[in-house]
């Protein structure tokens, strides 16, 4: 008997789709919104000079569209092997330019 099948979900920040990821159900996907590490990661990253998220942003999830699912599948196939969860960003992050 096959195990549960993961579905692709989109994480929205203040209503804007920001990234896609896999989860086995909507409850598990919603749990990602409560993860402190994710919010901190989104706050620290920028796109077009603006943080992807603020400390007060509303995070929510929905099932990914067909296009978003295809985007995730491509990202997952090209990701380096790892035990980490694959998060495929739908926005282009600014390049990391840090001064020491």
Protein backbone atom coordinates (compact mmCIF):
# COMPACT_ATOMS: atom_id res chain seq x y z
CA UNK A 1 0.00 0.00 0.00
CA UNK A 2 1.60 3.31 -1.04
CA UNK A 3 2.24 6.02 1.53
CA UNK A 4 0.76 9.50 1.56
CA UNK A 5 1.47 11.70 -1.44
CA UNK A 6 2.89 15.17 -0.88
CA UNK A 7 1.17 18.14 -2.49
CA UNK A 8 2.69 21.44 -3.50
CA UNK A 9 1.58 24.52 -1.57
CA UNK A 10 2.25 28.23 -2.04
CA UNK A 11 3.17 30.38 0.94
CA UNK A 12 1.74 33.90 0.69
CA UNK A 13 3.15 36.92 2.48
CA UNK A 14 0.50 39.60 2.91
CA UNK A 15 -1.45 37.97 0.07
CA UNK A 16 1.46 37.72 -2.38
CA UNK A 17 2.72 34.24 -3.34
CA UNK A 18 6.35 34.13 -2.20
CA UNK A 19 7.50 30.52 -2.33
CA UNK A 20 6.32 26.98 -2.99
CA UNK A 21 7.01 23.81 -1.00
CA UNK A 22 5.70 20.29 -0.43
CA UNK A 23 3.55 19.07 2.45
CA UNK A 24 1.31 16.04 2.95
CA UNK A 25 -1.79 18.08 3.81
CA UNK A 26 -3.04 21.61 4.42
CA UNK A 27 -2.60 21.33 8.20
CA UNK A 28 1.08 20.44 7.78
CA UNK A 29 1.50 23.25 5.23
CA UNK A 30 -0.13 25.78 7.57
CA UNK A 31 2.32 24.78 10.30
CA UNK A 32 5.15 26.25 8.20
CA UNK A 33 3.62 29.72 8.72
CA UNK A 34 4.30 29.36 12.45
CA UNK A 35 8.00 28.56 12.07
CA UNK A 36 10.19 31.34 13.46
CA UNK A 37 13.14 30.35 11.24
CA UNK A 38 11.06 30.88 8.09
CA UNK A 39 9.88 34.36 9.09
CA UNK A 40 13.45 35.31 10.05
CA UNK A 41 14.70 34.02 6.69
CA UNK A 42 12.03 35.98 4.80
CA UNK A 43 12.81 39.15 6.78
CA UNK A 44 16.54 38.83 6.07
CA UNK A 45 16.12 38.35 2.30
CA UNK A 46 15.27 41.16 -0.09
CA UNK A 47 13.83 41.46 -3.57
CA UNK A 48 14.13 44.78 -5.41
CA UNK A 49 15.61 46.26 -2.23
CA UNK A 50 12.60 45.39 -0.04
CA UNK A 51 12.46 42.63 2.60
CA UNK A 52 10.33 39.67 1.52
CA UNK A 53 8.49 39.88 4.83
CA UNK A 54 8.13 42.10 7.90
CA UNK A 55 7.73 41.05 11.54
CA UNK A 56 3.99 41.80 11.24
CA UNK A 57 3.33 40.29 7.79
CA UNK A 58 0.49 37.79 7.52
CA UNK A 59 1.70 34.39 6.31
CA UNK A 60 -0.82 31.99 4.79
CA UNK A 61 -0.83 28.97 2.50
CA UNK A 62 -2.93 27.66 -0.35
CA UNK A 63 -2.61 24.84 -2.85
CA UNK A 64 -0.15 25.79 -5.57
CA UNK A 65 -1.34 26.47 -9.10
CA UNK A 66 -0.31 24.16 -11.94
CA UNK A 67 2.41 26.63 -12.96
CA UNK A 68 3.67 26.98 -9.38
CA UNK A 69 3.73 23.19 -8.97
CA UNK A 70 5.77 22.83 -12.16
CA UNK A 71 8.15 25.54 -10.91
CA UNK A 72 8.57 23.66 -7.62
CA UNK A 73 9.13 20.32 -9.34
CA UNK A 74 11.88 21.82 -11.51
CA UNK A 75 13.52 23.42 -8.45
CA UNK A 76 13.32 20.18 -6.47
CA UNK A 77 14.92 18.20 -9.31
CA UNK A 78 17.81 20.65 -9.62
CA UNK A 79 18.36 21.18 -5.86
CA UNK A 80 21.45 19.71 -4.22
CA UNK A 81 20.66 16.49 -2.34
CA UNK A 82 19.83 17.38 1.25
CA UNK A 83 17.60 16.47 4.16
CA UNK A 84 16.37 20.07 4.22
CA UNK A 85 12.94 21.04 2.96
CA UNK A 86 12.96 22.45 -0.57
CA UNK A 87 11.62 26.01 -0.68
CA UNK A 88 11.36 27.40 -4.20
CA UNK A 89 11.10 31.18 -4.18
CA UNK A 90 8.67 32.69 -6.69
CA UNK A 91 10.34 36.10 -6.45
CA UNK A 92 13.86 36.94 -7.54
CA UNK A 93 15.92 37.63 -4.42
CA UNK A 94 18.52 40.39 -4.51
CA UNK A 95 22.06 39.09 -4.88
CA UNK A 96 23.93 38.79 -1.63
CA UNK A 97 26.35 41.69 -1.44
CA UNK A 98 27.72 41.96 2.06
CA UNK A 99 30.52 44.25 3.12
CA UNK A 100 32.90 42.95 5.77
